[in-house]
Amino acid sequence: MLIQPIASSATRGPALADMDDETLLGRMKQDDSAAYRLLVERHVDRAYAIALRVLGNQADAEDVAQECLVKVWTHRHGWQDGKAKFSTWLYRVVVNRCIDLRRRPTNDCLDDVPEPMDDEADSVTTIHRGQVYGKLSDAMGRLPEQQRLALTLSYFDDLGNSEIAEIMQTTVSAVESLLKRGRQALRDKLRRSERDVRLALAE
């Protein structure tokens, strides 16, 4: 998927595999492609997952993850040690690219693709799960961009408020406020959605 490493972990040897991101970045700045490939292996899935949560489109999410990880290599000599964790910097780049793409008109949406049903016994459960996910996704999509992003990073990607603040380039208190207002807005939208469904069924 996405960027395929050229060498396997076994051929790299245990020393490289045991290095932390900062050490690998130092080696990558010296044009060590094996260190770069290991960084890609560590972070490609998370970068893709964040992009998918924000964009809701698999093809765009793959493009964003690959583009941002290629940027890690092409901008390797400009990396400044100690300014931010590599993962935080990478996710910030992913999020910013996703925000740019969201401003582009598109008709693609993962919600239009039905979940596969294994057998008839699971049909009701699968349909119900899809309906719940659809309502949540729709409600999230109608939140202000900053609230939606903060909730996505907090709940779907399980990041702490301080890391979210770094990724969003804001303060921890601002993130806390975004999460609080986002949760309240989400509850209100879901309640209105349930009420609209009940009224439609009563007609």
N, C-alpha and C. Protein backbone atom coordinates (compact mmCIF):
# COMPACT_ATOMS: atom_id res chain seq x y z
N MET A 1 0.83 -1.19 0.00
CA MET A 1 0.00 0.00 0.00
C MET A 1 0.87 1.25 0.00
N LEU A 2 0.50 2.24 -0.74
CA LEU A 2 1.19 3.51 -0.74
C LEU A 2 2.66 3.33 -1.09
N ILE A 3 3.57 3.77 -0.20
CA ILE A 3 5.00 3.69 -0.48
C ILE A 3 5.52 2.34 -0.01
N GLN A 4 6.04 1.54 -0.91
CA GLN A 4 6.52 0.22 -0.55
C GLN A 4 8.00 0.26 -0.22
N PRO A 5 8.39 -0.23 0.99
CA PRO A 5 9.81 -0.27 1.32
C PRO A 5 10.57 -1.20 0.40
N ILE A 6 11.81 -0.84 0.08
CA ILE A 6 12.62 -1.65 -0.82
C ILE A 6 13.22 -2.83 -0.09
N ALA A 7 13.63 -2.61 1.16
CA ALA A 7 14.26 -3.68 1.93
C ALA A 7 13.37 -4.08 3.08
N SER A 8 13.42 -5.37 3.42
CA SER A 8 12.63 -5.85 4.54
C SER A 8 13.34 -5.52 5.84
N SER A 9 12.58 -5.61 6.97
CA SER A 9 13.17 -5.34 8.28
C SER A 9 14.32 -6.29 8.56
N ALA A 10 14.20 -7.52 8.07
CA ALA A 10 15.23 -8.52 8.35
C ALA A 10 16.56 -8.14 7.72
N THR A 11 16.53 -7.50 6.53
CA THR A 11 17.77 -7.16 5.86
C THR A 11 18.40 -5.89 6.42
N ARG A 12 17.66 -5.12 7.19
CA ARG A 12 18.21 -3.89 7.74
C ARG A 12 19.08 -4.15 8.96
N GLY A 13 18.79 -5.23 9.66
CA GLY A 13 19.53 -5.50 10.89
C GLY A 13 18.83 -4.88 12.08
N PRO A 14 19.06 -5.43 13.27
CA PRO A 14 18.34 -4.99 14.46
C PRO A 14 18.71 -3.58 14.91
N ALA A 15 19.93 -3.10 14.63
CA ALA A 15 20.36 -1.80 15.14
C ALA A 15 19.48 -0.68 14.59
N LEU A 16 19.21 -0.68 13.30
CA LEU A 16 18.40 0.36 12.69
C LEU A 16 16.96 0.28 13.17
N ALA A 17 16.43 -0.93 13.28
CA ALA A 17 15.04 -1.10 13.69
C ALA A 17 14.80 -0.61 15.11
N ASP A 18 15.83 -0.62 15.95
CA ASP A 18 15.67 -0.21 17.34
C ASP A 18 15.82 1.29 17.54
N MET A 19 16.18 2.02 16.51
CA MET A 19 16.40 3.46 16.65
C MET A 19 15.08 4.21 16.75
N ASP A 20 15.06 5.31 17.54
CA ASP A 20 13.86 6.13 17.61
C ASP A 20 13.78 7.05 16.39
N ASP A 21 12.65 7.74 16.26
CA ASP A 21 12.43 8.56 15.07
C ASP A 21 13.49 9.65 14.91
N GLU A 22 13.88 10.27 16.03
CA GLU A 22 14.84 11.37 15.94
C GLU A 22 16.19 10.88 15.41
N THR A 23 16.60 9.70 15.87
CA THR A 23 17.87 9.15 15.37
C THR A 23 17.77 8.80 13.89
N LEU A 24 16.63 8.23 13.50
CA LEU A 24 16.43 7.92 12.09
C LEU A 24 16.43 9.18 11.24
N LEU A 25 15.84 10.25 11.77
CA LEU A 25 15.83 11.52 11.03
C LEU A 25 17.25 12.03 10.81
N GLY A 26 18.09 11.89 11.85
CA GLY A 26 19.49 12.30 11.71
C GLY A 26 20.19 11.54 10.61
N ARG A 27 19.93 10.24 10.55
CA ARG A 27 20.55 9.42 9.50
C ARG A 27 19.97 9.77 8.13
N MET A 28 18.65 10.04 8.11
CA MET A 28 18.02 10.38 6.84
C MET A 28 18.58 11.68 6.28
N LYS A 29 18.89 12.64 7.15
CA LYS A 29 19.49 13.90 6.71
C LYS A 29 20.85 13.68 6.05
N GLN A 30 21.46 12.53 6.37
CA GLN A 30 22.74 12.16 5.75
C GLN A 30 22.51 11.25 4.54
N ASP A 31 21.26 11.29 4.03
CA ASP A 31 20.87 10.57 2.81
C ASP A 31 20.80 9.05 3.00
N ASP A 32 20.47 8.62 4.23
CA ASP A 32 20.30 7.19 4.51
C ASP A 32 18.88 6.79 4.12
N SER A 33 18.73 6.16 2.96
CA SER A 33 17.40 5.79 2.48
C SER A 33 16.77 4.68 3.31
N ALA A 34 17.58 3.83 3.93
CA ALA A 34 17.03 2.76 4.77
C ALA A 34 16.35 3.36 6.00
N ALA A 35 16.93 4.41 6.57
CA ALA A 35 16.31 5.09 7.71
C ALA A 35 14.98 5.71 7.29
N TYR A 36 14.94 6.29 6.10
CA TYR A 36 13.70 6.86 5.58
C TYR A 36 12.63 5.79 5.40
N ARG A 37 13.01 4.65 4.83
CA ARG A 37 12.03 3.58 4.61
C ARG A 37 11.45 3.10 5.93
N LEU A 38 12.26 3.05 6.97
CA LEU A 38 11.76 2.61 8.27
C LEU A 38 10.79 3.64 8.85
N LEU A 39 11.08 4.92 8.68
CA LEU A 39 10.15 5.96 9.12
C LEU A 39 8.81 5.82 8.40
N VAL A 40 8.87 5.54 7.10
CA VAL A 40 7.65 5.35 6.33
C VAL A 40 6.85 4.17 6.88
N GLU A 41 7.53 3.05 7.13
CA GLU A 41 6.85 1.87 7.67
C GLU A 41 6.15 2.18 8.99
N ARG A 42 6.80 2.98 9.82
CA ARG A 42 6.24 3.28 11.14
C ARG A 42 5.01 4.18 11.06
N HIS A 43 4.99 5.09 10.10
CA HIS A 43 3.98 6.15 10.14
C HIS A 43 2.99 6.15 8.99
N VAL A 44 3.18 5.32 7.98
CA VAL A 44 2.30 5.38 6.81
C VAL A 44 0.85 5.04 7.17
N ASP A 45 0.64 4.04 8.01
CA ASP A 45 -0.74 3.64 8.34
C ASP A 45 -1.46 4.74 9.10
N ARG A 46 -0.76 5.37 10.06
CA ARG A 46 -1.39 6.43 10.86
C ARG A 46 -1.65 7.66 9.99
N ALA A 47 -0.71 8.00 9.12
CA ALA A 47 -0.91 9.14 8.23
C ALA A 47 -2.13 8.91 7.33
N TYR A 48 -2.23 7.69 6.80
CA TYR A 48 -3.38 7.36 5.95
C TYR A 48 -4.68 7.41 6.74
N ALA A 49 -4.67 6.87 7.96
CA ALA A 49 -5.89 6.83 8.78
C ALA A 49 -6.38 8.24 9.09
N ILE A 50 -5.47 9.14 9.44
CA ILE A 50 -5.86 10.52 9.72
C ILE A 50 -6.44 11.18 8.47
N ALA A 51 -5.78 10.99 7.35
CA ALA A 51 -6.28 11.57 6.10
C ALA A 51 -7.66 11.03 5.75
N LEU A 52 -7.86 9.74 5.96
CA LEU A 52 -9.15 9.13 5.65
C LEU A 52 -10.24 9.67 6.55
N ARG A 53 -9.94 9.86 7.84
CA ARG A 53 -10.94 10.39 8.77
C ARG A 53 -11.34 11.81 8.38
N VAL A 54 -10.37 12.59 7.97
CA VAL A 54 -10.66 13.99 7.63
C VAL A 54 -11.35 14.11 6.28
N LEU A 55 -10.91 13.32 5.30
CA LEU A 55 -11.41 13.46 3.94
C LEU A 55 -12.61 12.57 3.63
N GLY A 56 -12.66 11.37 4.25
CA GLY A 56 -13.74 10.45 3.96
C GLY A 56 -13.65 9.83 2.58
N ASN A 57 -12.48 9.85 1.97
CA ASN A 57 -12.32 9.32 0.62
C ASN A 57 -11.00 8.56 0.55
N GLN A 58 -11.07 7.28 0.20
CA GLN A 58 -9.89 6.43 0.25
C GLN A 58 -8.80 6.87 -0.72
N ALA A 59 -9.20 7.18 -1.96
CA ALA A 59 -8.20 7.55 -2.97
C ALA A 59 -7.48 8.83 -2.57
N ASP A 60 -8.24 9.83 -2.13
CA ASP A 60 -7.62 11.09 -1.71
C ASP A 60 -6.73 10.88 -0.50
N ALA A 61 -7.17 10.03 0.44
CA ALA A 61 -6.38 9.77 1.65
C ALA A 61 -5.05 9.11 1.30
N GLU A 62 -5.07 8.17 0.37
CA GLU A 62 -3.83 7.52 -0.07
C GLU A 62 -2.90 8.54 -0.74
N ASP A 63 -3.49 9.40 -1.57
CA ASP A 63 -2.67 10.41 -2.25
C ASP A 63 -2.01 11.35 -1.25
N VAL A 64 -2.78 11.77 -0.24
CA VAL A 64 -2.25 12.70 0.77
C VAL A 64 -1.14 12.03 1.56
N ALA A 65 -1.38 10.80 2.02
CA ALA A 65 -0.36 10.11 2.81
C ALA A 65 0.93 9.94 2.01
N GLN A 66 0.80 9.53 0.76
CA GLN A 66 2.00 9.34 -0.06
C GLN A 66 2.70 10.66 -0.33
N GLU A 67 1.93 11.68 -0.66
CA GLU A 67 2.51 12.99 -0.95
C GLU A 67 3.29 13.53 0.25
N CYS A 68 2.70 13.39 1.44
CA CYS A 68 3.34 13.92 2.64
C CYS A 68 4.58 13.12 3.02
N LEU A 69 4.54 11.81 2.82
CA LEU A 69 5.70 10.99 3.14
C LEU A 69 6.83 11.19 2.13
N VAL A 70 6.49 11.43 0.89
CA VAL A 70 7.52 11.77 -0.09
C VAL A 70 8.17 13.10 0.28
N LYS A 71 7.36 14.02 0.80
CA LYS A 71 7.87 15.33 1.22
C LYS A 71 8.91 15.18 2.33
N VAL A 72 8.72 14.16 3.20
CA VAL A 72 9.70 13.91 4.26
C VAL A 72 11.09 13.71 3.65
N TRP A 73 11.15 12.95 2.56
CA TRP A 73 12.45 12.68 1.93
C TRP A 73 12.98 13.88 1.15
N THR A 74 12.11 14.51 0.38
CA THR A 74 12.57 15.62 -0.47
C THR A 74 12.97 16.84 0.35
N HIS A 75 12.44 16.96 1.58
CA HIS A 75 12.77 18.09 2.45
C HIS A 75 13.65 17.66 3.62
N ARG A 76 14.33 16.54 3.48
CA ARG A 76 15.06 15.97 4.62
C ARG A 76 16.17 16.89 5.14
N HIS A 77 16.79 17.64 4.26
CA HIS A 77 17.91 18.49 4.69
C HIS A 77 17.43 19.74 5.43
N GLY A 78 16.14 20.02 5.34
CA GLY A 78 15.62 21.20 6.04
C GLY A 78 15.04 20.90 7.41
N TRP A 79 15.06 19.61 7.81
CA TRP A 79 14.51 19.23 9.12
C TRP A 79 15.34 19.85 10.24
N GLN A 80 14.65 20.49 11.21
CA GLN A 80 15.32 21.13 12.33
C GLN A 80 15.09 20.30 13.59
N ASP A 81 16.14 19.77 14.14
CA ASP A 81 16.04 18.93 15.33
C ASP A 81 15.51 19.72 16.52
N GLY A 82 14.67 19.06 17.32
CA GLY A 82 14.21 19.64 18.57
C GLY A 82 13.01 20.57 18.47
N LYS A 83 12.56 20.90 17.26
CA LYS A 83 11.44 21.82 17.13
C LYS A 83 10.11 21.13 17.39
N ALA A 84 9.98 19.89 16.99
CA ALA A 84 8.73 19.13 17.19
C ALA A 84 9.03 17.66 17.00
N LYS A 85 8.18 16.82 17.60
CA LYS A 85 8.28 15.39 17.33
C LYS A 85 8.01 15.16 15.85
N PHE A 86 8.69 14.17 15.28
CA PHE A 86 8.48 13.88 13.87
C PHE A 86 7.02 13.54 13.59
N SER A 87 6.42 12.70 14.44
CA SER A 87 5.04 12.29 14.21
C SER A 87 4.10 13.50 14.24
N THR A 88 4.32 14.41 15.19
CA THR A 88 3.47 15.60 15.28
C THR A 88 3.61 16.45 14.02
N TRP A 89 4.85 16.64 13.57
CA TRP A 89 5.08 17.43 12.35
C TRP A 89 4.40 16.77 11.16
N LEU A 90 4.56 15.45 11.02
CA LEU A 90 3.98 14.74 9.88
C LEU A 90 2.47 14.85 9.88
N TYR A 91 1.84 14.63 11.05
CA TYR A 91 0.38 14.68 11.10
C TYR A 91 -0.13 16.10 10.83
N ARG A 92 0.66 17.11 11.24
CA ARG A 92 0.27 18.49 10.94
C ARG A 92 0.28 18.71 9.43
N VAL A 93 1.31 18.20 8.75
CA VAL A 93 1.39 18.34 7.29
C VAL A 93 0.22 17.62 6.63
N VAL A 94 -0.11 16.42 7.12
CA VAL A 94 -1.24 15.66 6.58
C VAL A 94 -2.54 16.43 6.76
N VAL A 95 -2.77 16.94 7.97
CA VAL A 95 -4.00 17.67 8.26
C VAL A 95 -4.11 18.91 7.38
N ASN A 96 -3.03 19.66 7.26
CA ASN A 96 -3.07 20.88 6.44
C ASN A 96 -3.37 20.56 4.98
N ARG A 97 -2.79 19.47 4.48
CA ARG A 97 -3.07 19.07 3.10
C ARG A 97 -4.52 18.64 2.94
N CYS A 98 -5.04 17.95 3.95
CA CYS A 98 -6.45 17.53 3.90
C CYS A 98 -7.38 18.74 3.90
N ILE A 99 -7.06 19.73 4.70
CA ILE A 99 -7.89 20.94 4.74
C ILE A 99 -7.91 21.61 3.37
N ASP A 100 -6.76 21.65 2.71
CA ASP A 100 -6.71 22.20 1.36
C ASP A 100 -7.62 21.42 0.41
N LEU A 101 -7.57 20.10 0.52
CA LEU A 101 -8.39 19.27 -0.38
C LEU A 101 -9.87 19.38 -0.08
N ARG A 102 -10.22 19.55 1.19
CA ARG A 102 -11.64 19.66 1.55
C ARG A 102 -12.28 20.90 0.93
N ARG A 103 -11.48 21.89 0.64
CA ARG A 103 -12.01 23.11 0.03
C ARG A 103 -12.25 22.93 -1.46
N ARG A 104 -11.83 21.77 -1.98
CA ARG A 104 -12.03 21.46 -3.39
C ARG A 104 -13.38 20.77 -3.55
N PRO A 105 -14.23 21.23 -4.48
CA PRO A 105 -15.53 20.57 -4.68
C PRO A 105 -15.35 19.11 -5.06
N THR A 106 -16.14 18.23 -4.46
CA THR A 106 -16.07 16.81 -4.78
C THR A 106 -17.40 16.14 -4.48
N ASN A 107 -17.70 15.12 -5.24
CA ASN A 107 -18.92 14.35 -5.01
C ASN A 107 -18.63 12.98 -4.43
N ASP A 108 -17.33 12.69 -4.22
CA ASP A 108 -16.95 11.38 -3.71
C ASP A 108 -17.21 11.31 -2.22
N CYS A 109 -17.75 10.17 -1.76
CA CYS A 109 -18.02 10.01 -0.33
C CYS A 109 -18.05 8.53 0.00
N LEU A 110 -17.36 8.14 1.06
CA LEU A 110 -17.33 6.74 1.45
C LEU A 110 -18.70 6.26 1.92
N ASP A 111 -19.54 7.22 2.40
CA ASP A 111 -20.84 6.80 2.91
C ASP A 111 -21.72 6.24 1.81
N ASP A 112 -21.38 6.51 0.53
CA ASP A 112 -22.18 5.99 -0.57
C ASP A 112 -21.88 4.53 -0.85
N VAL A 113 -20.84 3.99 -0.24
CA VAL A 113 -20.45 2.60 -0.47
C VAL A 113 -21.01 1.73 0.65
N PRO A 114 -21.94 0.81 0.37
CA PRO A 114 -22.53 0.00 1.44
C PRO A 114 -21.54 -0.99 2.00
N GLU A 115 -21.69 -1.29 3.30
CA GLU A 115 -20.85 -2.30 3.92
C GLU A 115 -21.29 -3.69 3.45
N PRO A 116 -20.35 -4.60 3.20
CA PRO A 116 -20.74 -5.95 2.79
C PRO A 116 -21.43 -6.69 3.92
N MET A 117 -22.44 -7.50 3.58
CA MET A 117 -23.16 -8.28 4.58
C MET A 117 -22.79 -9.74 4.42
N ASP A 118 -22.28 -10.34 5.50
CA ASP A 118 -21.78 -11.70 5.42
C ASP A 118 -22.90 -12.72 5.22
N ASP A 119 -23.99 -12.58 5.95
CA ASP A 119 -25.10 -13.51 5.80
C ASP A 119 -26.37 -12.83 6.26
N GLU A 120 -27.50 -13.51 6.04
CA GLU A 120 -28.80 -12.91 6.33
C GLU A 120 -28.98 -12.64 7.81
N ALA A 121 -28.41 -13.47 8.66
CA ALA A 121 -28.58 -13.29 10.11
C ALA A 121 -27.97 -11.99 10.59
N ASP A 122 -26.93 -11.53 9.91
CA ASP A 122 -26.25 -10.31 10.34
C ASP A 122 -26.77 -9.07 9.61
N SER A 123 -27.76 -9.24 8.75
CA SER A 123 -28.20 -8.13 7.92
C SER A 123 -28.73 -6.96 8.74
N VAL A 124 -29.59 -7.24 9.71
CA VAL A 124 -30.19 -6.17 10.51
C VAL A 124 -29.12 -5.42 11.28
N THR A 125 -28.20 -6.17 11.90
CA THR A 125 -27.12 -5.54 12.66
C THR A 125 -26.25 -4.67 11.77
N THR A 126 -25.92 -5.19 10.59
CA THR A 126 -25.07 -4.45 9.66
C THR A 126 -25.75 -3.18 9.18
N ILE A 127 -27.04 -3.29 8.84
CA ILE A 127 -27.78 -2.12 8.39
C ILE A 127 -27.85 -1.07 9.49
N HIS A 128 -28.14 -1.52 10.73
CA HIS A 128 -28.23 -0.58 11.85
C HIS A 128 -26.89 0.11 12.08
N ARG A 129 -25.81 -0.67 12.03
CA ARG A 129 -24.48 -0.08 12.24
C ARG A 129 -24.19 0.95 11.15
N GLY A 130 -24.56 0.63 9.92
CA GLY A 130 -24.34 1.56 8.83
C GLY A 130 -25.14 2.84 8.99
N GLN A 131 -26.39 2.70 9.50
CA GLN A 131 -27.22 3.88 9.71
C GLN A 131 -26.64 4.77 10.80
N VAL A 132 -26.18 4.15 11.89
CA VAL A 132 -25.59 4.91 12.98
C VAL A 132 -24.34 5.63 12.50
N TYR A 133 -23.47 4.90 11.78
CA TYR A 133 -22.25 5.51 11.26
C TYR A 133 -22.58 6.64 10.30
N GLY A 134 -23.60 6.43 9.47
CA GLY A 134 -23.98 7.46 8.51
C GLY A 134 -24.45 8.73 9.19
N LYS A 135 -25.25 8.58 10.26
CA LYS A 135 -25.73 9.76 11.00
C LYS A 135 -24.57 10.49 11.66
N LEU A 136 -23.67 9.71 12.28
CA LEU A 136 -22.52 10.33 12.94
C LEU A 136 -21.63 11.04 11.92
N SER A 137 -21.37 10.38 10.79
CA SER A 137 -20.53 10.97 9.76
C SER A 137 -21.15 12.24 9.20
N ASP A 138 -22.47 12.21 8.99
CA ASP A 138 -23.16 13.38 8.46
C ASP A 138 -23.11 14.53 9.46
N ALA A 139 -23.33 14.21 10.74
CA ALA A 139 -23.28 15.25 11.78
C ALA A 139 -21.88 15.83 11.90
N MET A 140 -20.86 14.97 11.86
CA MET A 140 -19.48 15.46 11.92
C MET A 140 -19.18 16.37 10.73
N GLY A 141 -19.69 15.99 9.56
CA GLY A 141 -19.42 16.76 8.36
C GLY A 141 -20.02 18.15 8.38
N ARG A 142 -21.05 18.36 9.24
CA ARG A 142 -21.71 19.66 9.31
C ARG A 142 -21.16 20.54 10.44
N LEU A 143 -20.16 20.03 11.16
CA LEU A 143 -19.52 20.84 12.19
C LEU A 143 -18.57 21.84 11.55
N PRO A 144 -18.29 22.95 12.23
CA PRO A 144 -17.22 23.85 11.75
C PRO A 144 -15.91 23.08 11.62
N GLU A 145 -15.11 23.48 10.66
CA GLU A 145 -13.91 22.71 10.31
C GLU A 145 -12.99 22.45 11.50
N GLN A 146 -12.73 23.46 12.32
CA GLN A 146 -11.80 23.30 13.43
C GLN A 146 -12.35 22.35 14.50
N GLN A 147 -13.65 22.42 14.76
CA GLN A 147 -14.27 21.50 15.72
C GLN A 147 -14.20 20.07 15.21
N ARG A 148 -14.51 19.90 13.94
CA ARG A 148 -14.48 18.56 13.34
C ARG A 148 -13.08 17.97 13.40
N LEU A 149 -12.10 18.78 13.11
CA LEU A 149 -10.72 18.31 13.11
C LEU A 149 -10.27 17.93 14.52
N ALA A 150 -10.59 18.76 15.50
CA ALA A 150 -10.20 18.46 16.89
C ALA A 150 -10.85 17.17 17.37
N LEU A 151 -12.14 16.98 17.06
CA LEU A 151 -12.83 15.75 17.46
C LEU A 151 -12.24 14.53 16.76
N THR A 152 -11.92 14.68 15.49
CA THR A 152 -11.33 13.57 14.72
C THR A 152 -10.01 13.13 15.33
N LEU A 153 -9.14 14.08 15.62
CA LEU A 153 -7.83 13.75 16.18
C LEU A 153 -7.94 13.19 17.59
N SER A 154 -8.94 13.66 18.34
CA SER A 154 -9.08 13.22 19.73
C SER A 154 -9.70 11.83 19.82
N TYR A 155 -10.82 11.62 19.15
CA TYR A 155 -11.58 10.39 19.33
C TYR A 155 -11.17 9.28 18.36
N PHE A 156 -10.96 9.62 17.10
CA PHE A 156 -10.63 8.59 16.13
C PHE A 156 -9.16 8.23 16.13
N ASP A 157 -8.30 9.22 16.41
CA ASP A 157 -6.86 8.95 16.37
C ASP A 157 -6.23 8.93 17.75
N ASP A 158 -7.05 9.17 18.80
CA ASP A 158 -6.62 8.97 20.19
C ASP A 158 -5.38 9.79 20.54
N LEU A 159 -5.34 11.03 20.09
CA LEU A 159 -4.23 11.91 20.41
C LEU A 159 -4.58 12.77 21.62
N GLY A 160 -3.58 13.13 22.41
CA GLY A 160 -3.79 13.99 23.56
C GLY A 160 -3.97 15.44 23.13
N ASN A 161 -4.52 16.25 24.04
CA ASN A 161 -4.80 17.64 23.71
C ASN A 161 -3.54 18.43 23.34
N SER A 162 -2.43 18.13 24.01
CA SER A 162 -1.20 18.88 23.72
C SER A 162 -0.70 18.58 22.30
N GLU A 163 -0.78 17.32 21.89
CA GLU A 163 -0.34 16.98 20.53
C GLU A 163 -1.31 17.53 19.49
N ILE A 164 -2.61 17.50 19.80
CA ILE A 164 -3.59 18.09 18.90
C ILE A 164 -3.30 19.58 18.72
N ALA A 165 -2.96 20.25 19.82
CA ALA A 165 -2.65 21.68 19.76
C ALA A 165 -1.45 21.94 18.85
N GLU A 166 -0.44 21.08 18.94
CA GLU A 166 0.73 21.24 18.06
C GLU A 166 0.36 21.02 16.61
N ILE A 167 -0.43 19.98 16.36
CA ILE A 167 -0.82 19.67 14.98
C ILE A 167 -1.67 20.80 14.39
N MET A 168 -2.59 21.33 15.20
CA MET A 168 -3.48 22.39 14.72
C MET A 168 -2.87 23.77 14.87
N GLN A 169 -1.67 23.81 15.44
CA GLN A 169 -0.95 25.07 15.64
C GLN A 169 -1.78 26.08 16.44
N THR A 170 -2.24 25.61 17.59
CA THR A 170 -3.01 26.45 18.49
C THR A 170 -2.65 26.09 19.92
N THR A 171 -3.41 26.58 20.89
CA THR A 171 -3.11 26.32 22.30
C THR A 171 -3.93 25.15 22.82
N VAL A 172 -3.49 24.58 23.94
CA VAL A 172 -4.23 23.48 24.55
C VAL A 172 -5.61 23.96 24.98
N SER A 173 -5.70 25.16 25.55
CA SER A 173 -7.00 25.68 25.98
C SER A 173 -7.94 25.86 24.79
N ALA A 174 -7.39 26.25 23.64
CA ALA A 174 -8.22 26.39 22.44
C ALA A 174 -8.74 25.03 21.99
N VAL A 175 -7.89 24.00 22.08
CA VAL A 175 -8.32 22.64 21.73
C VAL A 175 -9.42 22.17 22.67
N GLU A 176 -9.25 22.42 23.97
CA GLU A 176 -10.27 22.03 24.95
C GLU A 176 -11.60 22.70 24.64
N SER A 177 -11.53 23.97 24.25
CA SER A 177 -12.75 24.70 23.89
C SER A 177 -13.38 24.13 22.63
N LEU A 178 -12.55 23.81 21.63
CA LEU A 178 -13.07 23.23 20.39
C LEU A 178 -13.74 21.89 20.65
N LEU A 179 -13.12 21.06 21.51
CA LEU A 179 -13.70 19.75 21.82
C LEU A 179 -15.02 19.90 22.56
N LYS A 180 -15.07 20.82 23.51
CA LYS A 180 -16.29 21.02 24.29
C LYS A 180 -17.43 21.50 23.38
N ARG A 181 -17.15 22.51 22.57
CA ARG A 181 -18.18 23.04 21.67
C ARG A 181 -18.54 22.03 20.59
N GLY A 182 -17.54 21.29 20.12
CA GLY A 182 -17.80 20.28 19.10
C GLY A 182 -18.68 19.16 19.60
N ARG A 183 -18.40 18.68 20.83
CA ARG A 183 -19.23 17.62 21.42
C ARG A 183 -20.67 18.08 21.59
N GLN A 184 -20.85 19.32 22.07
CA GLN A 184 -22.20 19.83 22.27
C GLN A 184 -22.93 19.98 20.94
N ALA A 185 -22.24 20.52 19.94
CA ALA A 185 -22.85 20.68 18.62
C ALA A 185 -23.20 19.33 18.01
N LEU A 186 -22.33 18.35 18.21
CA LEU A 186 -22.58 17.01 17.68
C LEU A 186 -23.81 16.39 18.33
N ARG A 187 -23.91 16.54 19.66
CA ARG A 187 -25.10 16.01 20.35
C ARG A 187 -26.37 16.67 19.84
N ASP A 188 -26.32 17.99 19.65
CA ASP A 188 -27.51 18.71 19.17
C ASP A 188 -27.91 18.25 17.78
N LYS A 189 -26.93 18.08 16.90
CA LYS A 189 -27.23 17.66 15.53
C LYS A 189 -27.78 16.24 15.49
N LEU A 190 -27.24 15.35 16.33
CA LEU A 190 -27.72 13.97 16.37
C LEU A 190 -29.13 13.91 16.94
N ARG A 191 -29.42 14.75 17.95
CA ARG A 191 -30.78 14.79 18.50
C ARG A 191 -31.76 15.27 17.45
N ARG A 192 -31.39 16.31 16.70
CA ARG A 192 -32.29 16.81 15.65
C ARG A 192 -32.49 15.76 14.56
N SER A 193 -31.43 15.02 14.24
CA SER A 193 -31.54 13.97 13.23
C SER A 193 -32.52 12.89 13.67
N GLU A 194 -32.42 12.47 14.94
CA GLU A 194 -33.34 11.45 15.46
C GLU A 194 -34.77 11.97 15.44
N ARG A 195 -34.96 13.24 15.79
CA ARG A 195 -36.31 13.81 15.80
C ARG A 195 -36.88 13.87 14.39
N ASP A 196 -36.06 14.22 13.41
CA ASP A 196 -36.53 14.28 12.03
C ASP A 196 -36.95 12.90 11.53
N VAL A 197 -36.19 11.87 11.93
CA VAL A 197 -36.54 10.50 11.53
C VAL A 197 -37.88 10.09 12.12
N ARG A 198 -38.08 10.40 13.41
CA ARG A 198 -39.35 10.03 14.06
C ARG A 198 -40.52 10.75 13.40
N LEU A 199 -40.35 12.03 13.07
CA LEU A 199 -41.43 12.79 12.43
C LEU A 199 -41.74 12.23 11.04
N ALA A 200 -40.71 11.85 10.31
CA ALA A 200 -40.92 11.29 8.97
C ALA A 200 -41.67 9.97 9.04
N LEU A 201 -41.35 9.15 10.03
CA LEU A 201 -42.02 7.86 10.17
C LEU A 201 -43.47 8.03 10.61
N ALA A 202 -43.77 9.13 11.30
CA ALA A 202 -45.12 9.35 11.81
C ALA A 202 -46.05 9.88 10.73
N GLU A 203 -45.50 10.39 9.64
CA GLU A 203 -46.34 10.96 8.58
C GLU A 203 -47.07 9.88 7.78
